[in-house]
All heavy atoms as atom14 arrays in JSON, in Angstrom:
{
  "sequence": "PSFLFALSTLGIPVIIHLFNFRRFKKINFTNVR",
  "atom14_mask": [
    [1, 1, 1, 1, 1, 1, 1, 0, 0, 0, 0, 0, 0, 0],
    [1, 1, 1, 1, 1, 1, 0, 0, 0, 0, 0, 0, 0, 0],
    [1, 1, 1, 1, 1, 1, 1, 1, 1, 1, 1, 0, 0, 0],
    [1, 1, 1, 1, 1, 1, 1, 1, 0, 0, 0, 0, 0, 0],
    [1, 1, 1, 1, 1, 1, 1, 1, 1, 1, 1, 0, 0, 0],
    [1, 1, 1, 1, 1, 0, 0, 0, 0, 0, 0, 0, 0, 0],
    [1, 1, 1, 1, 1, 1, 1, 1, 0, 0, 0, 0, 0, 0],
    [1, 1, 1, 1, 1, 1, 0, 0, 0, 0, 0, 0, 0, 0],
    [1, 1, 1, 1, 1, 1, 1, 0, 0, 0, 0, 0, 0, 0],
    [1, 1, 1, 1, 1, 1, 1, 1, 0, 0, 0, 0, 0, 0],
    [1, 1, 1, 1, 0, 0, 0, 0, 0, 0, 0, 0, 0, 0],
    [1, 1, 1, 1, 1, 1, 1, 1, 0, 0, 0, 0, 0, 0],
    [1, 1, 1, 1, 1, 1, 1, 0, 0, 0, 0, 0, 0, 0],
    [1, 1, 1, 1, 1, 1, 1, 0, 0, 0, 0, 0, 0, 0],
    [1, 1, 1, 1, 1, 1, 1, 1, 0, 0, 0, 0, 0, 0],
    [1, 1, 1, 1, 1, 1, 1, 1, 0, 0, 0, 0, 0, 0],
    [1, 1, 1, 1, 1, 1, 1, 1, 1, 1, 0, 0, 0, 0],
    [1, 1, 1, 1, 1, 1, 1, 1, 0, 0, 0, 0, 0, 0],
    [1, 1, 1, 1, 1, 1, 1, 1, 1, 1, 1, 0, 0, 0],
    [1, 1, 1, 1, 1, 1, 1, 1, 0, 0, 0, 0, 0, 0],
    [1, 1, 1, 1, 1, 1, 1, 1, 1, 1, 1, 0, 0, 0],
    [1, 1, 1, 1, 1, 1, 1, 1, 1, 1, 1, 0, 0, 0],
    [1, 1, 1, 1, 1, 1, 1, 1, 1, 1, 1, 0, 0, 0],
    [1, 1, 1, 1, 1, 1, 1, 1, 1, 1, 1, 0, 0, 0],
    [1, 1, 1, 1, 1, 1, 1, 1, 1, 0, 0, 0, 0, 0],
    [1, 1, 1, 1, 1, 1, 1, 1, 1, 0, 0, 0, 0, 0],
    [1, 1, 1, 1, 1, 1, 1, 1, 0, 0, 0, 0, 0, 0],
    [1, 1, 1, 1, 1, 1, 1, 1, 0, 0, 0, 0, 0, 0],
    [1, 1, 1, 1, 1, 1, 1, 1, 1, 1, 1, 0, 0, 0],
    [1, 1, 1, 1, 1, 1, 1, 0, 0, 0, 0, 0, 0, 0],
    [1, 1, 1, 1, 1, 1, 1, 1, 0, 0, 0, 0, 0, 0],
    [1, 1, 1, 1, 1, 1, 1, 0, 0, 0, 0, 0, 0, 0],
    [1, 1, 1, 1, 1, 1, 1, 1, 1, 1, 1, 0, 0, 0]
  ],
  "atom14_positions": [
    [[-20.77, -18.42, -15.16], [-20.76, -17.94, -13.77], [-19.55, -18.4, -12.97], [-19.24, -17.81, -11.94], [-22.07, -18.52, -13.2], [-22.39, -19.68, -14.07], [-21.89, -19.33, -15.43], [0.0, 0.0, 0.0], [0.0, 0.0, 0.0], [0.0, 0.0, 0.0], [0.0, 0.0, 0.0], [0.0, 0.0, 0.0], [0.0, 0.0, 0.0], [0.0, 0.0, 0.0]],
    [[-18.87, -19.45, -13.42], [-17.71, -19.93, -12.67], [-16.6, -18.88, -12.6], [-15.79, -18.88, -11.68], [-17.17, -21.22, -13.3], [-16.81, -21.0, -14.65], [0.0, 0.0, 0.0], [0.0, 0.0, 0.0], [0.0, 0.0, 0.0], [0.0, 0.0, 0.0], [0.0, 0.0, 0.0], [0.0, 0.0, 0.0], [0.0, 0.0, 0.0], [0.0, 0.0, 0.0]],
    [[-16.58, -17.95, -13.59], [-15.56, -16.91, -13.57], [-15.76, -15.92, -12.42], [-14.84, -15.18, -12.07], [-15.54, -16.14, -14.9], [-14.79, -16.82, -16.0], [-15.45, -17.42, -17.04], [-13.4, -16.87, -15.97], [-14.76, -18.06, -18.06], [-12.7, -17.49, -16.99], [-13.38, -18.1, -18.03], [0.0, 0.0, 0.0], [0.0, 0.0, 0.0], [0.0, 0.0, 0.0]],
    [[-16.97, -15.91, -11.83], [-17.23, -14.97, -10.75], [-16.39, -15.28, -9.51], [-16.22, -14.43, -8.64], [-18.72, -14.99, -10.39], [-19.67, -14.49, -11.49], [-21.11, -14.59, -11.03], [-19.34, -13.04, -11.87], [0.0, 0.0, 0.0], [0.0, 0.0, 0.0], [0.0, 0.0, 0.0], [0.0, 0.0, 0.0], [0.0, 0.0, 0.0], [0.0, 0.0, 0.0]],
    [[-15.87, -16.5, -9.43], [-14.99, -16.82, -8.31], [-13.73, -15.94, -8.34], [-13.07, -15.75, -7.31], [-14.59, -18.29, -8.34], [-15.73, -19.21, -7.96], [-16.38, -19.96, -8.93], [-16.15, -19.31, -6.65], [-17.42, -20.8, -8.59], [-17.19, -20.16, -6.3], [-17.83, -20.89, -7.27], [0.0, 0.0, 0.0], [0.0, 0.0, 0.0], [0.0, 0.0, 0.0]],
    [[-13.41, -15.43, -9.53], [-12.23, -14.58, -9.65], [-12.42, -13.23, -8.96], [-11.46, -12.46, -8.82], [-11.88, -14.37, -11.12], [0.0, 0.0, 0.0], [0.0, 0.0, 0.0], [0.0, 0.0, 0.0], [0.0, 0.0, 0.0], [0.0, 0.0, 0.0], [0.0, 0.0, 0.0], [0.0, 0.0, 0.0], [0.0, 0.0, 0.0], [0.0, 0.0, 0.0]],
    [[-13.65, -12.91, -8.54], [-13.87, -11.67, -7.81], [-13.12, -11.65, -6.47], [-12.94, -10.58, -5.87], [-15.37, -11.46, -7.56], [-16.21, -11.12, -8.8], [-17.68, -11.07, -8.43], [-15.77, -9.78, -9.4], [0.0, 0.0, 0.0], [0.0, 0.0, 0.0], [0.0, 0.0, 0.0], [0.0, 0.0, 0.0], [0.0, 0.0, 0.0], [0.0, 0.0, 0.0]],
    [[-12.7, -12.83, -6.04], [-11.92, -12.88, -4.8], [-10.59, -12.14, -4.94], [-9.98, -11.75, -3.95], [-11.67, -14.33, -4.39], [-10.96, -15.02, -5.41], [0.0, 0.0, 0.0], [0.0, 0.0, 0.0], [0.0, 0.0, 0.0], [0.0, 0.0, 0.0], [0.0, 0.0, 0.0], [0.0, 0.0, 0.0], [0.0, 0.0, 0.0], [0.0, 0.0, 0.0]],
    [[-10.16, -11.92, -6.19], [-8.91, -11.18, -6.4], [-9.04, -9.71, -6.03], [-8.04, -8.99, -6.0], [-8.46, -11.29, -7.86], [-9.5, -10.78, -8.71], [-8.19, -12.75, -8.24], [0.0, 0.0, 0.0], [0.0, 0.0, 0.0], [0.0, 0.0, 0.0], [0.0, 0.0, 0.0], [0.0, 0.0, 0.0], [0.0, 0.0, 0.0], [0.0, 0.0, 0.0]],
    [[-10.28, -9.26, -5.79], [-10.46, -7.87, -5.37], [-9.8, -7.6, -4.02], [-9.57, -6.44, -3.66], [-11.96, -7.54, -5.28], [-12.73, -7.57, -6.62], [-14.19, -7.24, -6.37], [-12.13, -6.59, -7.61], [0.0, 0.0, 0.0], [0.0, 0.0, 0.0], [0.0, 0.0, 0.0], [0.0, 0.0, 0.0], [0.0, 0.0, 0.0], [0.0, 0.0, 0.0]],
    [[-9.51, -8.64, -3.28], [-8.82, -8.45, -2.0], [-7.37, -8.03, -2.16], [-6.77, -7.49, -1.21], [0.0, 0.0, 0.0], [0.0, 0.0, 0.0], [0.0, 0.0, 0.0], [0.0, 0.0, 0.0], [0.0, 0.0, 0.0], [0.0, 0.0, 0.0], [0.0, 0.0, 0.0], [0.0, 0.0, 0.0], [0.0, 0.0, 0.0], [0.0, 0.0, 0.0]],
    [[-6.8, -8.28, -3.36], [-5.39, -7.95, -3.56], [-5.15, -6.45, -3.48], [-4.25, -5.99, -2.75], [-4.9, -8.53, -4.91], [-4.98, -10.06, -4.88], [-3.47, -8.07, -5.2], [-4.61, -10.71, -6.19], [0.0, 0.0, 0.0], [0.0, 0.0, 0.0], [0.0, 0.0, 0.0], [0.0, 0.0, 0.0], [0.0, 0.0, 0.0], [0.0, 0.0, 0.0]],
    [[-5.92, -5.59, -4.18], [-5.7, -4.14, -4.03], [-5.92, -3.64, -2.6], [-5.26, -2.7, -2.15], [-6.7, -3.52, -5.0], [-6.99, -4.59, -5.98], [-6.92, -5.87, -5.21], [0.0, 0.0, 0.0], [0.0, 0.0, 0.0], [0.0, 0.0, 0.0], [0.0, 0.0, 0.0], [0.0, 0.0, 0.0], [0.0, 0.0, 0.0], [0.0, 0.0, 0.0]],
    [[-6.91, -4.27, -1.92], [-7.18, -3.86, -0.54], [-5.97, -4.15, 0.34], [-5.56, -3.33, 1.18], [-8.43, -4.58, 0.0], [-8.66, -4.21, 1.47], [-9.64, -4.2, -0.84], [0.0, 0.0, 0.0], [0.0, 0.0, 0.0], [0.0, 0.0, 0.0], [0.0, 0.0, 0.0], [0.0, 0.0, 0.0], [0.0, 0.0, 0.0], [0.0, 0.0, 0.0]],
    [[-5.36, -5.33, 0.14], [-4.18, -5.68, 0.93], [-3.02, -4.74, 0.63], [-2.3, -4.28, 1.53], [-3.78, -7.14, 0.65], [-4.87, -8.09, 1.14], [-2.45, -7.49, 1.31], [-4.65, -9.53, 0.77], [0.0, 0.0, 0.0], [0.0, 0.0, 0.0], [0.0, 0.0, 0.0], [0.0, 0.0, 0.0], [0.0, 0.0, 0.0], [0.0, 0.0, 0.0]],
    [[-2.87, -4.4, -0.66], [-1.81, -3.46, -1.03], [-2.05, -2.1, -0.38], [-1.13, -1.44, 0.11], [-1.72, -3.33, -2.56], [-1.3, -4.66, -3.2], [-0.76, -2.22, -2.97], [-1.33, -4.65, -4.7], [0.0, 0.0, 0.0], [0.0, 0.0, 0.0], [0.0, 0.0, 0.0], [0.0, 0.0, 0.0], [0.0, 0.0, 0.0], [0.0, 0.0, 0.0]],
    [[-3.33, -1.71, -0.36], [-3.67, -0.41, 0.22], [-3.38, -0.37, 1.73], [-2.92, 0.65, 2.25], [-5.15, -0.13, -0.03], [-5.63, 1.14, 0.6], [-5.33, 2.39, 0.09], [-6.39, 1.36, 1.71], [-5.88, 3.32, 0.85], [-6.54, 2.73, 1.86], [0.0, 0.0, 0.0], [0.0, 0.0, 0.0], [0.0, 0.0, 0.0], [0.0, 0.0, 0.0]],
    [[-3.62, -1.48, 2.41], [-3.46, -1.49, 3.86], [-2.01, -1.62, 4.31], [-1.62, -1.11, 5.35], [-4.3, -2.63, 4.46], [-5.83, -2.48, 4.33], [-6.52, -3.71, 4.88], [-6.31, -1.23, 5.04], [0.0, 0.0, 0.0], [0.0, 0.0, 0.0], [0.0, 0.0, 0.0], [0.0, 0.0, 0.0], [0.0, 0.0, 0.0], [0.0, 0.0, 0.0]],
    [[-1.23, -2.33, 3.54], [0.13, -2.66, 4.01], [1.23, -2.01, 3.19], [2.4, -2.33, 3.36], [0.33, -4.18, 4.0], [-0.59, -4.9, 4.94], [-1.75, -5.49, 4.46], [-0.31, -4.95, 6.3], [-2.6, -6.15, 5.32], [-1.17, -5.62, 7.16], [-2.32, -6.21, 6.68], [0.0, 0.0, 0.0], [0.0, 0.0, 0.0], [0.0, 0.0, 0.0]],
    [[0.86, -1.14, 2.27], [1.9, -0.53, 1.45], [1.86, 1.0, 1.53], [2.07, 1.71, 0.56], [1.77, -0.99, -0.01], [3.03, -0.73, -0.81], [4.13, -0.79, -0.27], [2.86, -0.42, -2.08], [0.0, 0.0, 0.0], [0.0, 0.0, 0.0], [0.0, 0.0, 0.0], [0.0, 0.0, 0.0], [0.0, 0.0, 0.0], [0.0, 0.0, 0.0]],
    [[1.49, 1.55, 2.74], [1.54, 3.0, 2.91], [2.98, 3.5, 2.81], [3.9, 2.8, 3.2], [0.96, 3.4, 4.27], [-0.54, 3.31, 4.32], [-1.17, 2.56, 5.28], [-1.32, 3.99, 3.38], [-2.55, 2.48, 5.32], [-2.69, 3.9, 3.42], [-3.31, 3.14, 4.39], [0.0, 0.0, 0.0], [0.0, 0.0, 0.0], [0.0, 0.0, 0.0]],
    [[3.11, 4.72, 2.33], [4.45, 5.32, 2.24], [4.93, 5.69, 3.66], [4.24, 6.4, 4.38], [4.42, 6.57, 1.37], [5.77, 7.26, 1.26], [5.7, 8.48, 0.4], [5.32, 8.15, -0.98], [5.13, 9.07, -1.92], [5.26, 10.34, -1.63], [4.78, 8.7, -3.14], [0.0, 0.0, 0.0], [0.0, 0.0, 0.0], [0.0, 0.0, 0.0]],
    [[6.06, 5.15, 3.99], [6.65, 5.44, 5.31], [7.72, 6.53, 5.14], [8.62, 6.4, 4.32], [7.26, 4.18, 5.93], [6.21, 3.14, 6.32], [6.87, 1.91, 6.96], [5.88, 0.97, 7.44], [5.3, 0.05, 6.68], [5.64, -0.05, 5.42], [4.39, -0.76, 7.2], [0.0, 0.0, 0.0], [0.0, 0.0, 0.0], [0.0, 0.0, 0.0]],
    [[7.59, 7.58, 5.93], [8.54, 8.69, 5.83], [9.72, 8.43, 6.76], [9.54, 8.04, 7.91], [7.86, 10.01, 6.2], [6.74, 10.38, 5.27], [5.42, 10.07, 5.58], [7.01, 11.03, 4.07], [4.4, 10.39, 4.71], [6.0, 11.36, 3.21], [4.69, 11.04, 3.52], [0.0, 0.0, 0.0], [0.0, 0.0, 0.0], [0.0, 0.0, 0.0]],
    [[10.89, 8.66, 6.21], [12.11, 8.46, 6.98], [12.6, 9.81, 7.53], [12.69, 10.79, 6.8], [13.19, 7.83, 6.1], [14.44, 7.45, 6.85], [15.43, 6.75, 5.91], [16.69, 6.36, 6.64], [17.66, 5.69, 5.74], [0.0, 0.0, 0.0], [0.0, 0.0, 0.0], [0.0, 0.0, 0.0], [0.0, 0.0, 0.0], [0.0, 0.0, 0.0]],
    [[12.88, 9.81, 8.82], [13.31, 11.04, 9.49], [14.81, 11.24, 9.31], [15.6, 10.35, 9.59], [12.98, 10.95, 10.98], [13.25, 12.25, 11.73], [12.81, 12.12, 13.17], [13.07, 13.42, 13.92], [12.66, 13.31, 15.35], [0.0, 0.0, 0.0], [0.0, 0.0, 0.0], [0.0, 0.0, 0.0], [0.0, 0.0, 0.0], [0.0, 0.0, 0.0]],
    [[15.21, 12.42, 8.79], [16.62, 12.74, 8.55], [16.94, 14.05, 9.29], [16.23, 15.05, 9.13], [16.92, 12.91, 7.05], [16.56, 11.62, 6.3], [18.39, 13.26, 6.83], [16.73, 11.73, 4.82], [0.0, 0.0, 0.0], [0.0, 0.0, 0.0], [0.0, 0.0, 0.0], [0.0, 0.0, 0.0], [0.0, 0.0, 0.0], [0.0, 0.0, 0.0]],
    [[18.01, 14.06, 10.07], [18.44, 15.22, 10.83], [19.41, 16.07, 10.01], [20.34, 15.54, 9.38], [19.1, 14.8, 12.14], [18.1, 14.07, 13.05], [16.94, 14.48, 13.13], [18.56, 13.03, 13.72], [0.0, 0.0, 0.0], [0.0, 0.0, 0.0], [0.0, 0.0, 0.0], [0.0, 0.0, 0.0], [0.0, 0.0, 0.0], [0.0, 0.0, 0.0]],
    [[19.17, 17.35, 9.96], [20.03, 18.3, 9.26], [20.61, 19.29, 10.28], [19.91, 19.73, 11.2], [19.25, 19.07, 8.19], [18.89, 18.25, 7.0], [17.72, 17.53, 6.98], [19.74, 18.2, 5.9], [17.39, 16.79, 5.88], [19.4, 17.46, 4.81], [18.23, 16.75, 4.79], [0.0, 0.0, 0.0], [0.0, 0.0, 0.0], [0.0, 0.0, 0.0]],
    [[21.87, 19.67, 10.06], [22.5, 20.67, 10.95], [22.03, 22.07, 10.64], [21.99, 22.94, 11.5], [24.02, 20.6, 10.81], [24.36, 20.82, 9.45], [24.54, 19.24, 11.25], [0.0, 0.0, 0.0], [0.0, 0.0, 0.0], [0.0, 0.0, 0.0], [0.0, 0.0, 0.0], [0.0, 0.0, 0.0], [0.0, 0.0, 0.0], [0.0, 0.0, 0.0]],
    [[21.69, 22.27, 9.33], [21.24, 23.59, 8.92], [20.13, 23.41, 7.89], [20.33, 22.74, 6.88], [22.4, 24.38, 8.33], [22.06, 25.87, 8.2], [20.9, 26.25, 8.1], [23.1, 26.7, 8.21], [0.0, 0.0, 0.0], [0.0, 0.0, 0.0], [0.0, 0.0, 0.0], [0.0, 0.0, 0.0], [0.0, 0.0, 0.0], [0.0, 0.0, 0.0]],
    [[19.0, 24.01, 8.1], [17.85, 23.83, 7.21], [17.66, 25.02, 6.28], [16.64, 25.14, 5.62], [16.56, 23.63, 8.05], [16.64, 22.35, 8.84], [16.31, 24.83, 8.94], [0.0, 0.0, 0.0], [0.0, 0.0, 0.0], [0.0, 0.0, 0.0], [0.0, 0.0, 0.0], [0.0, 0.0, 0.0], [0.0, 0.0, 0.0], [0.0, 0.0, 0.0]],
    [[18.68, 25.87, 6.16], [18.54, 27.04, 5.29], [18.47, 26.67, 3.81], [17.87, 27.36, 3.01], [19.73, 27.99, 5.5], [19.69, 28.75, 6.84], [20.83, 29.74, 6.9], [22.1, 29.08, 6.58], [23.18, 29.74, 6.18], [23.12, 31.04, 5.99], [24.29, 29.1, 5.95], [0.0, 0.0, 0.0], [0.0, 0.0, 0.0], [0.0, 0.0, 0.0]]
  ]
}
C-alpha cells in the first residue's frame, strides 16, 4: 500500500493541462490572398 502515495503524481498531467495551452501568435499580413 505504500506505493499508493505515488498517486500524488496524478497532479502532474493536470498542471501540464492547465499551464501548457497552445498560445496563438498574431501575425499581420499585407495581403491574405
